[in-house]
Amino acid sequence: MVTELEVLKVVEKDLVEKDVQRAFDENLEAIEEGLRFVWSQVNIGVGVIDTLAVDRNNVPVIIEYKVDKADIYSLVQVLKYY
C-alpha cells in the first residue's frame, strides 16, 4: 500500500505547508513508532505549534513544518515553544 507520504516524496509540484502538515499528521507513525497525534495549530501565546504529538513515553513532541529548506530562524521558532 502506498502512503500519502510516499506520494509527496515523488510529486513534482509546489506544495503548500498545509498539504505537508496534513500528510504527516495522518501518518505520524512513519516518523517514529508510537508517535501519536494530539492536535494541530496549537496557539501557545508565543506562537502556533503546527503539530503537537506525544511519543510512546507520553513525552510531548513539537513538529514545525516548512515547505522550503529550514534555516536558523526555523530553529529559533521551535525553541520559543519549548
Protein backbone atom coordinates (compact mmCIF):
# COMPACT_ATOMS: atom_id res chain seq x y z
CA MET A 1 0.00 0.00 0.00
CA VAL A 2 1.39 3.43 -0.96
CA THR A 3 1.01 6.07 1.72
CA GLU A 4 0.36 9.73 1.15
CA LEU A 5 3.86 10.45 2.50
CA GLU A 6 5.40 8.31 -0.23
CA VAL A 7 3.34 10.13 -2.83
CA LEU A 8 4.50 13.52 -1.52
CA LYS A 9 8.12 12.38 -1.94
CA VAL A 10 7.73 11.89 -5.67
CA VAL A 11 5.23 14.56 -6.64
CA GLU A 12 6.93 17.33 -8.55
CA LYS A 13 4.74 20.30 -7.78
CA ASP A 14 4.67 23.22 -5.45
CA LEU A 15 3.36 22.05 -2.11
CA VAL A 16 1.86 24.34 0.46
CA GLU A 17 2.66 23.84 4.13
CA LYS A 18 -0.88 22.70 5.00
CA ASP A 19 -0.60 19.81 2.49
CA VAL A 20 2.67 18.68 4.06
CA GLN A 21 1.20 19.02 7.54
CA ARG A 22 -1.92 17.04 6.70
CA ALA A 23 0.13 14.21 5.20
CA PHE A 24 2.35 13.95 8.27
CA ASP A 25 -0.48 14.40 10.78
CA GLU A 26 -2.23 11.41 9.25
CA ASN A 27 0.97 9.29 9.23
CA LEU A 28 2.98 10.17 12.34
CA GLU A 29 3.99 6.52 12.80
CA ALA A 30 6.08 6.97 9.64
CA ILE A 31 8.25 9.45 11.56
CA GLU A 32 8.60 7.42 14.76
CA GLU A 33 6.97 4.26 16.02
CA GLY A 34 4.49 5.09 18.77
CA LEU A 35 4.21 8.77 17.83
CA ARG A 36 0.60 9.88 18.31
CA PHE A 37 -1.21 12.97 17.08
CA VAL A 38 -2.64 15.29 19.75
CA TRP A 39 -3.66 18.47 17.91
CA SER A 40 -2.66 20.81 15.12
CA GLN A 41 -2.39 24.60 15.05
CA VAL A 42 -1.96 24.87 18.82
CA ASN A 43 -1.77 28.51 19.94
CA ILE A 44 0.57 28.76 22.92
CA GLY A 45 0.84 32.54 23.21
CA VAL A 46 4.36 32.90 21.79
CA GLY A 47 3.36 31.23 18.54
CA VAL A 48 1.38 28.43 16.96
CA ILE A 49 2.67 24.86 17.04
CA ASP A 50 1.95 23.22 13.69
CA THR A 51 1.51 19.74 15.19
CA LEU A 52 1.60 18.61 18.78
CA ALA A 53 2.15 14.89 19.29
CA VAL A 54 3.31 12.56 22.05
CA ASP A 55 5.80 9.74 21.76
CA ARG A 56 5.40 6.23 23.16
CA ASN A 57 6.54 7.53 26.58
CA ASN A 58 3.95 10.35 26.51
CA VAL A 59 6.68 12.96 26.02
CA PRO A 60 5.38 15.96 24.07
CA VAL A 61 6.74 16.32 20.53
CA ILE A 62 6.53 19.63 18.68
CA ILE A 63 6.55 19.41 14.90
CA GLU A 64 7.07 22.52 12.77
CA TYR A 65 6.60 22.15 9.01
CA LYS A 66 8.50 24.05 6.35
CA VAL A 67 7.97 23.57 2.64
CA ASP A 68 11.28 25.22 1.86
CA LYS A 69 14.62 24.48 3.48
CA ALA A 70 14.61 25.31 7.18
CA ASP A 71 17.08 27.91 8.41
CA ILE A 72 18.31 29.24 11.75
CA TYR A 73 15.08 31.19 12.18
CA SER A 74 13.11 27.94 11.94
CA LEU A 75 15.14 26.54 14.83
CA VAL A 76 14.63 29.71 16.87
CA GLN A 77 10.87 29.47 16.18
CA VAL A 78 10.71 25.94 17.61
CA LEU A 79 12.92 26.80 20.59
CA LYS A 80 10.48 29.58 21.55
CA TYR A 81 7.84 26.90 22.03
CA TYR A 82 9.98 24.99 24.49
